[in-house]
């Protein structure tokens, strides 16, 4: 049982963390500054995802383009295999 006592003492020692009272204010300030800094971007990933999901035609075009790209890659591999 000595190991359990040592572990318990270590755990109790690590629990005692000194956190300043202004810690949450500092974190929120950093988050606010980060959000303000993101405003200068032309496109945001979230905006692009929302645009894709809100327009059915865009989704159809993207899936078709991916299918064509996949077919071209497979055709290229088959062509290279047959050419050698």
PDB file of N, CA and C in Angstrom:
ATOM      1  N   UNK A   1       0.812  -1.204   0.000  1.00  0.00           N
ATOM      2  CA  UNK A   1       0.000   0.000   0.000  1.00  0.00           C
ATOM      3  C   UNK A   1       0.849   1.259   0.000  1.00  0.00           C
ATOM      4  N   UNK A   2       2.126   1.126   0.142  1.00  0.00           N
ATOM      5  CA  UNK A   2       2.992   2.291   0.170  1.00  0.00           C
ATOM      6  C   UNK A   2       2.949   3.022  -1.165  1.00  0.00           C
ATOM      7  N   UNK A   3       2.842   2.292  -2.250  1.00  0.00           N
ATOM      8  CA  UNK A   3       2.792   2.913  -3.576  1.00  0.00           C
ATOM      9  C   UNK A   3       1.543   3.786  -3.707  1.00  0.00           C
ATOM     10  N   UNK A   4       0.418   3.299  -3.195  1.00  0.00           N
ATOM     11  CA  UNK A   4      -0.810   4.087  -3.244  1.00  0.00           C
ATOM     12  C   UNK A   4      -0.679   5.371  -2.442  1.00  0.00           C
ATOM     13  N   UNK A   5      -0.018   5.300  -1.300  1.00  0.00           N
ATOM     14  CA  UNK A   5       0.174   6.499  -0.479  1.00  0.00           C
ATOM     15  C   UNK A   5       1.076   7.509  -1.185  1.00  0.00           C
ATOM     16  N   UNK A   6       2.135   7.025  -1.815  1.00  0.00           N
ATOM     17  CA  UNK A   6       3.047   7.911  -2.542  1.00  0.00           C
ATOM     18  C   UNK A   6       2.312   8.560  -3.719  1.00  0.00           C
ATOM     19  N   UNK A   7       1.552   7.764  -4.448  1.00  0.00           N
ATOM     20  CA  UNK A   7       0.795   8.300  -5.578  1.00  0.00           C
ATOM     21  C   UNK A   7      -0.245   9.320  -5.110  1.00  0.00           C
ATOM     22  N   UNK A   8      -0.934   9.017  -4.026  1.00  0.00           N
ATOM     23  CA  UNK A   8      -1.922   9.952  -3.489  1.00  0.00           C
ATOM     24  C   UNK A   8      -1.288  11.266  -3.062  1.00  0.00           C
ATOM     25  N   UNK A   9      -0.115  11.203  -2.427  1.00  0.00           N
ATOM     26  CA  UNK A   9       0.582  12.421  -2.020  1.00  0.00           C
ATOM     27  C   UNK A   9       1.019  13.226  -3.238  1.00  0.00           C
ATOM     28  N   UNK A  10       1.496  12.537  -4.272  1.00  0.00           N
ATOM     29  CA  UNK A  10       1.914  13.228  -5.501  1.00  0.00           C
ATOM     30  C   UNK A  10       0.715  13.893  -6.173  1.00  0.00           C
ATOM     31  N   UNK A  11      -0.412  13.181  -6.208  1.00  0.00           N
ATOM     32  CA  UNK A  11      -1.618  13.711  -6.838  1.00  0.00           C
ATOM     33  C   UNK A  11      -2.136  14.920  -6.071  1.00  0.00           C
ATOM     34  N   UNK A  12      -2.123  14.854  -4.744  1.00  0.00           N
ATOM     35  CA  UNK A  12      -2.569  15.989  -3.930  1.00  0.00           C
ATOM     36  C   UNK A  12      -1.661  17.194  -4.124  1.00  0.00           C
ATOM     37  N   UNK A  13      -0.360  16.945  -4.303  1.00  0.00           N
ATOM     38  CA  UNK A  13       0.579  18.046  -4.511  1.00  0.00           C
ATOM     39  C   UNK A  13       0.326  18.715  -5.856  1.00  0.00           C
ATOM     40  N   UNK A  14       0.019  17.944  -6.889  1.00  0.00           N
ATOM     41  CA  UNK A  14      -0.205  18.494  -8.229  1.00  0.00           C
ATOM     42  C   UNK A  14      -1.547  19.213  -8.336  1.00  0.00           C
ATOM     43  N   UNK A  15      -2.486  18.900  -7.458  1.00  0.00           N
ATOM     44  CA  UNK A  15      -3.790  19.546  -7.506  1.00  0.00           C
ATOM     45  C   UNK A  15      -3.695  21.009  -7.086  1.00  0.00           C
ATOM     46  N   UNK A  16      -2.759  21.324  -6.235  1.00  0.00           N
ATOM     47  CA  UNK A  16      -2.616  22.695  -5.735  1.00  0.00           C
ATOM     48  C   UNK A  16      -1.961  23.562  -6.805  1.00  0.00           C
ATOM     49  N   UNK A  17      -2.778  24.209  -7.616  1.00  0.00           N
ATOM     50  CA  UNK A  17      -2.287  25.089  -8.676  1.00  0.00           C
ATOM     51  C   UNK A  17      -2.761  26.503  -8.358  1.00  0.00           C
ATOM     52  N   UNK A  18      -1.833  27.436  -8.417  1.00  0.00           N
ATOM     53  CA  UNK A  18      -2.185  28.833  -8.165  1.00  0.00           C
ATOM     54  C   UNK A  18      -2.595  29.484  -9.479  1.00  0.00           C
ATOM     55  N   UNK A  19      -3.852  29.897  -9.547  1.00  0.00           N
ATOM     56  CA  UNK A  19      -4.374  30.565 -10.738  1.00  0.00           C
ATOM     57  C   UNK A  19      -4.760  31.981 -10.346  1.00  0.00           C
ATOM     58  N   UNK A  20      -4.262  32.935 -11.130  1.00  0.00           N
ATOM     59  CA  UNK A  20      -4.595  34.329 -10.862  1.00  0.00           C
ATOM     60  C   UNK A  20      -6.089  34.562 -11.072  1.00  0.00           C
ATOM     61  N   UNK A  21      -6.620  35.555 -10.399  1.00  0.00           N
ATOM     62  CA  UNK A  21      -8.046  35.845 -10.547  1.00  0.00           C
ATOM     63  C   UNK A  21      -8.365  36.413 -11.916  1.00  0.00           C
ATOM     64  N   UNK A  22      -7.385  37.014 -12.578  1.00  0.00           N
ATOM     65  CA  UNK A  22      -7.631  37.601 -13.896  1.00  0.00           C
ATOM     66  C   UNK A  22      -7.336  36.615 -15.032  1.00  0.00           C
ATOM     67  N   UNK A  23      -7.150  35.336 -14.704  1.00  0.00           N
ATOM     68  CA  UNK A  23      -6.799  34.347 -15.719  1.00  0.00           C
ATOM     69  C   UNK A  23      -7.878  34.249 -16.796  1.00  0.00           C
ATOM     70  N   UNK A  24      -9.128  34.127 -16.399  1.00  0.00           N
ATOM     71  CA  UNK A  24     -10.198  33.987 -17.386  1.00  0.00           C
ATOM     72  C   UNK A  24     -10.344  35.248 -18.223  1.00  0.00           C
ATOM     73  N   UNK A  25     -10.141  36.431 -17.614  1.00  0.00           N
ATOM     74  CA  UNK A  25     -10.200  37.672 -18.393  1.00  0.00           C
ATOM     75  C   UNK A  25      -9.093  37.723 -19.437  1.00  0.00           C
ATOM     76  N   UNK A  26      -7.909  37.258 -19.079  1.00  0.00           N
ATOM     77  CA  UNK A  26      -6.791  37.247 -20.027  1.00  0.00           C
ATOM     78  C   UNK A  26      -7.070  36.293 -21.183  1.00  0.00           C
ATOM     79  N   UNK A  27      -7.622  35.136 -20.872  1.00  0.00           N
ATOM     80  CA  UNK A  27      -7.944  34.155 -21.910  1.00  0.00           C
ATOM     81  C   UNK A  27      -9.000  34.725 -22.851  1.00  0.00           C
ATOM     82  N   UNK A  28     -10.044  35.318 -22.308  1.00  0.00           N
ATOM     83  CA  UNK A  28     -11.092  35.892 -23.150  1.00  0.00           C
ATOM     84  C   UNK A  28     -10.565  37.047 -23.987  1.00  0.00           C
ATOM     85  N   UNK A  29      -9.647  37.820 -23.459  1.00  0.00           N
ATOM     86  CA  UNK A  29      -9.033  38.919 -24.207  1.00  0.00           C
ATOM     87  C   UNK A  29      -8.240  38.377 -25.391  1.00  0.00           C
ATOM     88  N   UNK A  30      -7.484  37.309 -25.161  1.00  0.00           N
ATOM     89  CA  UNK A  30      -6.715  36.683 -26.239  1.00  0.00           C
ATOM     90  C   UNK A  30      -7.642  36.121 -27.315  1.00  0.00           C
ATOM     91  N   UNK A  31      -8.739  35.504 -26.903  1.00  0.00           N
ATOM     92  CA  UNK A  31      -9.705  34.979 -27.867  1.00  0.00           C
ATOM     93  C   UNK A  31     -10.306  36.110 -28.678  1.00  0.00           C
ATOM     94  N   UNK A  32     -10.660  37.207 -28.028  1.00  0.00           N
ATOM     95  CA  UNK A  32     -11.223  38.354 -28.722  1.00  0.00           C
ATOM     96  C   UNK A  32     -10.213  38.929 -29.719  1.00  0.00           C
ATOM     97  N   UNK A  33      -8.949  39.044 -29.325  1.00  0.00           N
ATOM     98  CA  UNK A  33      -7.920  39.553 -30.230  1.00  0.00           C
ATOM     99  C   UNK A  33      -7.736  38.619 -31.421  1.00  0.00           C
ATOM    100  N   UNK A  34      -7.795  37.329 -31.190  1.00  0.00           N
ATOM    101  CA  UNK A  34      -7.666  36.359 -32.274  1.00  0.00           C
ATOM    102  C   UNK A  34      -8.831  36.498 -33.252  1.00  0.00           C
ATOM    103  N   UNK A  35     -10.033  36.620 -32.724  1.00  0.00           N
ATOM    104  CA  UNK A  35     -11.204  36.766 -33.583  1.00  0.00           C
ATOM    105  C   UNK A  35     -11.148  38.063 -34.381  1.00  0.00           C
ATOM    106  N   UNK A  36     -10.666  39.126 -33.791  1.00  0.00           N
ATOM    107  CA  UNK A  36     -10.559  40.405 -34.508  1.00  0.00           C
ATOM    108  C   UNK A  36      -9.497  40.321 -35.605  1.00  0.00           C
ATOM    109  N   UNK A  37      -8.435  39.583 -35.361  1.00  0.00           N
ATOM    110  CA  UNK A  37      -7.373  39.435 -36.343  1.00  0.00           C
ATOM    111  C   UNK A  37      -7.783  38.607 -37.541  1.00  0.00           C
ATOM    112  N   UNK A  38      -8.759  37.745 -37.371  1.00  0.00           N
ATOM    113  CA  UNK A  38      -9.228  36.894 -38.458  1.00  0.00           C
ATOM    114  C   UNK A  38     -10.111  37.645 -39.422  1.00  0.00           C
ATOM    115  N   UNK A  39     -10.586  38.818 -39.078  1.00  0.00           N
ATOM    116  CA  UNK A  39     -11.507  39.564 -39.927  1.00  0.00           C
ATOM    117  C   UNK A  39     -10.899  40.003 -41.242  1.00  0.00           C
ATOM    118  N   UNK A  40      -9.584  40.068 -41.347  1.00  0.00           N
ATOM    119  CA  UNK A  40      -8.940  40.522 -42.555  1.00  0.00           C
ATOM    120  C   UNK A  40      -8.821  39.470 -43.639  1.00  0.00           C
ATOM    121  N   UNK A  41      -9.155  38.224 -43.348  1.00  0.00           N
ATOM    122  CA  UNK A  41      -9.041  37.172 -44.335  1.00  0.00           C
ATOM    123  C   UNK A  41     -10.112  37.310 -45.403  1.00  0.00           C
ATOM    124  N   UNK A  42      -9.727  37.015 -46.645  1.00  0.00           N
ATOM    125  CA  UNK A  42     -10.686  37.088 -47.742  1.00  0.00           C
ATOM    126  C   UNK A  42     -11.706  35.962 -47.642  1.00  0.00           C
ATOM    127  N   UNK A  43     -11.201  34.745 -47.423  1.00  0.00           N
ATOM    128  CA  UNK A  43     -12.087  33.598 -47.270  1.00  0.00           C
ATOM    129  C   UNK A  43     -11.742  32.881 -45.977  1.00  0.00           C
ATOM    130  N   UNK A  44     -12.757  32.525 -45.262  1.00  0.00           N
ATOM    131  CA  UNK A  44     -12.599  31.747 -44.041  1.00  0.00           C
ATOM    132  C   UNK A  44     -13.048  30.323 -44.348  1.00  0.00           C
ATOM    133  N   UNK A  45     -12.383  29.335 -43.768  1.00  0.00           N
ATOM    134  CA  UNK A  45     -12.761  27.952 -44.034  1.00  0.00           C
ATOM    135  C   UNK A  45     -14.223  27.689 -43.699  1.00  0.00           C
ATOM    136  N   UNK A  46     -14.676  28.253 -42.607  1.00  0.00           N
ATOM    137  CA  UNK A  46     -16.071  28.043 -42.212  1.00  0.00           C
ATOM    138  C   UNK A  46     -17.021  28.628 -43.248  1.00  0.00           C
ATOM    139  N   UNK A  47     -16.699  29.786 -43.799  1.00  0.00           N
ATOM    140  CA  UNK A  47     -17.537  30.396 -44.828  1.00  0.00           C
ATOM    141  C   UNK A  47     -17.562  29.541 -46.087  1.00  0.00           C
ATOM    142  N   UNK A  48     -16.412  28.964 -46.453  1.00  0.00           N
ATOM    143  CA  UNK A  48     -16.358  28.119 -47.637  1.00  0.00           C
ATOM    144  C   UNK A  48     -17.206  26.863 -47.440  1.00  0.00           C
ATOM    145  N   UNK A  49     -17.092  26.252 -46.261  1.00  0.00           N
ATOM    146  CA  UNK A  49     -17.893  25.056 -45.978  1.00  0.00           C
ATOM    147  C   UNK A  49     -19.382  25.391 -45.996  1.00  0.00           C
ATOM    148  N   UNK A  50     -19.765  26.498 -45.400  1.00  0.00           N
ATOM    149  CA  UNK A  50     -21.171  26.905 -45.406  1.00  0.00           C
ATOM    150  C   UNK A  50     -21.662  27.170 -46.823  1.00  0.00           C
ATOM    151  N   UNK A  51     -20.802  27.774 -47.656  1.00  0.00           N
ATOM    152  CA  UNK A  51     -21.181  28.045 -49.044  1.00  0.00           C
ATOM    153  C   UNK A  51     -21.404  26.742 -49.807  1.00  0.00           C
ATOM    154  N   UNK A  52     -20.501  25.775 -49.618  1.00  0.00           N
ATOM    155  CA  UNK A  52     -20.625  24.501 -50.319  1.00  0.00           C
ATOM    156  C   UNK A  52     -21.892  23.763 -49.892  1.00  0.00           C
ATOM    157  N   UNK A  53     -22.151  23.738 -48.583  1.00  0.00           N
ATOM    158  CA  UNK A  53     -23.327  23.012 -48.100  1.00  0.00           C
ATOM    159  C   UNK A  53     -24.640  23.722 -48.389  1.00  0.00           C
ATOM    160  N   UNK A  54     -24.604  25.005 -48.653  1.00  0.00           N
ATOM    161  CA  UNK A  54     -25.855  25.724 -48.903  1.00  0.00           C
ATOM    162  C   UNK A  54     -26.231  25.756 -50.375  1.00  0.00           C
ATOM    163  N   UNK A  55     -25.336  25.346 -51.277  1.00  0.00           N
ATOM    164  CA  UNK A  55     -25.626  25.358 -52.707  1.00  0.00           C
ATOM    165  C   UNK A  55     -25.456  23.954 -53.282  1.00  0.00           C
ATOM    166  N   UNK A  56     -26.553  23.407 -53.722  1.00  0.00           N
ATOM    167  CA  UNK A  56     -26.541  22.045 -54.249  1.00  0.00           C
ATOM    168  C   UNK A  56     -25.702  21.946 -55.528  1.00  0.00           C
ATOM    169  N   UNK A  57     -25.787  22.947 -56.386  1.00  0.00           N
ATOM    170  CA  UNK A  57     -25.042  22.924 -57.644  1.00  0.00           C
ATOM    171  C   UNK A  57     -23.533  22.899 -57.396  1.00  0.00           C
ATOM    172  N   UNK A  58     -23.074  23.609 -56.391  1.00  0.00           N
ATOM    173  CA  UNK A  58     -21.649  23.620 -56.064  1.00  0.00           C
ATOM    174  C   UNK A  58     -21.209  22.224 -55.627  1.00  0.00           C
ATOM    175  N   UNK A  59     -22.018  21.563 -54.823  1.00  0.00           N
ATOM    176  CA  UNK A  59     -21.684  20.201 -54.392  1.00  0.00           C
ATOM    177  C   UNK A  59     -21.629  19.252 -55.585  1.00  0.00           C
ATOM    178  N   UNK A  60     -22.591  19.376 -56.503  1.00  0.00           N
ATOM    179  CA  UNK A  60     -22.619  18.506 -57.682  1.00  0.00           C
ATOM    180  C   UNK A  60     -21.373  18.734 -58.530  1.00  0.00           C
ATOM    181  N   UNK A  61     -21.006  19.995 -58.732  1.00  0.00           N
ATOM    182  CA  UNK A  61     -19.822  20.316 -59.540  1.00  0.00           C
ATOM    183  C   UNK A  61     -18.555  19.775 -58.874  1.00  0.00           C
ATOM    184  N   UNK A  62     -18.424  19.930 -57.561  1.00  0.00           N
ATOM    185  CA  UNK A  62     -17.240  19.428 -56.861  1.00  0.00           C
ATOM    186  C   UNK A  62     -17.139  17.909 -56.931  1.00  0.00           C
ATOM    187  N   UNK A  63     -18.256  17.211 -56.778  1.00  0.00           N
ATOM    188  CA  UNK A  63     -18.236  15.753 -56.866  1.00  0.00           C
ATOM    189  C   UNK A  63     -17.903  15.315 -58.286  1.00  0.00           C
ATOM    190  N   UNK A  64     -18.468  15.999 -59.284  1.00  0.00           N
ATOM    191  CA  UNK A  64     -18.169  15.663 -60.681  1.00  0.00           C
ATOM    192  C   UNK A  64     -16.694  15.912 -60.988  1.00  0.00           C
ATOM    193  N   UNK A  65     -16.146  17.025 -60.510  1.00  0.00           N
ATOM    194  CA  UNK A  65     -14.734  17.329 -60.746  1.00  0.00           C
ATOM    195  C   UNK A  65     -13.838  16.286 -60.079  1.00  0.00           C
ATOM    196  N   UNK A  66     -14.206  15.850 -58.889  1.00  0.00           N
ATOM    197  CA  UNK A  66     -13.427  14.821 -58.205  1.00  0.00           C
ATOM    198  C   UNK A  66     -13.502  13.500 -58.961  1.00  0.00           C
ATOM    199  N   UNK A  67     -14.667  13.179 -59.475  1.00  0.00           N
ATOM    200  CA  UNK A  67     -14.818  11.948 -60.259  1.00  0.00           C
ATOM    201  C   UNK A  67     -14.001  11.990 -61.539  1.00  0.00           C
ATOM    202  N   UNK A  68     -14.031  13.112 -62.225  1.00  0.00           N
ATOM    203  CA  UNK A  68     -13.240  13.260 -63.453  1.00  0.00           C
ATOM    204  C   UNK A  68     -11.749  13.177 -63.143  1.00  0.00           C
ATOM    205  N   UNK A  69     -11.321  13.849 -62.082  1.00  0.00           N
ATOM    206  CA  UNK A  69      -9.906  13.804 -61.696  1.00  0.00           C
ATOM    207  C   UNK A  69      -9.488  12.378 -61.361  1.00  0.00           C
ATOM    208  N   UNK A  70     -10.316  11.633 -60.669  1.00  0.00           N
ATOM    209  CA  UNK A  70     -10.011  10.243 -60.350  1.00  0.00           C
ATOM    210  C   UNK A  70      -9.931   9.381 -61.599  1.00  0.00           C
ATOM    211  N   UNK A  71     -10.866   9.587 -62.511  1.00  0.00           N
ATOM    212  CA  UNK A  71     -10.843   8.821 -63.763  1.00  0.00           C
ATOM    213  C   UNK A  71      -9.596   9.137 -64.567  1.00  0.00           C
ATOM    214  N   UNK A  72      -9.201  10.394 -64.640  1.00  0.00           N
ATOM    215  CA  UNK A  72      -7.997  10.786 -65.378  1.00  0.00           C
ATOM    216  C   UNK A  72      -6.763  10.145 -64.753  1.00  0.00           C
ATOM    217  N   UNK A  73      -6.698  10.124 -63.436  1.00  0.00           N
ATOM    218  CA  UNK A  73      -5.543   9.482 -62.776  1.00  0.00           C
ATOM    219  C   UNK A  73      -5.471   7.996 -63.083  1.00  0.00           C
ATOM    220  N   UNK A  74      -6.608   7.320 -63.020  1.00  0.00           N
ATOM    221  CA  UNK A  74      -6.626   5.885 -63.327  1.00  0.00           C
ATOM    222  C   UNK A  74      -6.267   5.643 -64.784  1.00  0.00           C
ATOM    223  N   UNK A  75      -6.816   6.464 -65.693  1.00  0.00           N
ATOM    224  CA  UNK A  75      -6.503   6.313 -67.112  1.00  0.00           C
ATOM    225  C   UNK A  75      -5.021   6.551 -67.366  1.00  0.00           C
ATOM    226  N   UNK A  76      -4.437   7.520 -66.690  1.00  0.00           N
ATOM    227  CA  UNK A  76      -2.999   7.806 -66.847  1.00  0.00           C
ATOM    228  C   UNK A  76      -2.163   6.627 -66.383  1.00  0.00           C
ATOM    229  N   UNK A  77      -2.520   6.035 -65.256  1.00  0.00           N
ATOM    230  CA  UNK A  77      -1.777   4.879 -64.742  1.00  0.00           C
ATOM    231  C   UNK A  77      -1.886   3.702 -65.715  1.00  0.00           C
ATOM    232  N   UNK A  78      -3.089   3.454 -66.217  1.00  0.00           N
ATOM    233  CA  UNK A  78      -3.272   2.350 -67.175  1.00  0.00           C
ATOM    234  C   UNK A  78      -2.472   2.632 -68.443  1.00  0.00           C
ATOM    235  N   UNK A  79      -2.514   3.863 -68.928  1.00  0.00           N
ATOM    236  CA  UNK A  79      -1.739   4.235 -70.114  1.00  0.00           C
ATOM    237  C   UNK A  79      -0.244   4.033 -69.890  1.00  0.00           C
ATOM    238  N   UNK A  80       0.262   4.451 -68.747  1.00  0.00           N
ATOM    239  CA  UNK A  80       1.691   4.285 -68.459  1.00  0.00           C
ATOM    240  C   UNK A  80       2.056   2.810 -68.323  1.00  0.00           C
ATOM    241  N   UNK A  81       1.132   2.009 -67.760  1.00  0.00           N
ATOM    242  CA  UNK A  81       1.393   0.588 -67.605  1.00  0.00           C
ATOM    243  C   UNK A  81       1.434  -0.100 -68.964  1.00  0.00           C
ATOM    244  N   UNK A  82       0.506   0.265 -69.851  1.00  0.00           N
ATOM    245  CA  UNK A  82       0.453  -0.355 -71.163  1.00  0.00           C
ATOM    246  C   UNK A  82       1.565   0.130 -72.079  1.00  0.00           C
ATOM    247  N   UNK A  83       2.045   1.363 -71.875  1.00  0.00           N
ATOM    248  CA  UNK A  83       3.075   1.925 -72.719  1.00  0.00           C
ATOM    249  C   UNK A  83       4.437   1.298 -72.422  1.00  0.00           C
ATOM    250  N   UNK A  84       4.616   0.780 -71.223  1.00  0.00           N
ATOM    251  CA  UNK A  84       5.943   0.228 -70.887  1.00  0.00           C
ATOM    252  C   UNK A  84       6.057  -1.234 -71.150  1.00  0.00           C
TER     253      UNK A  84
END
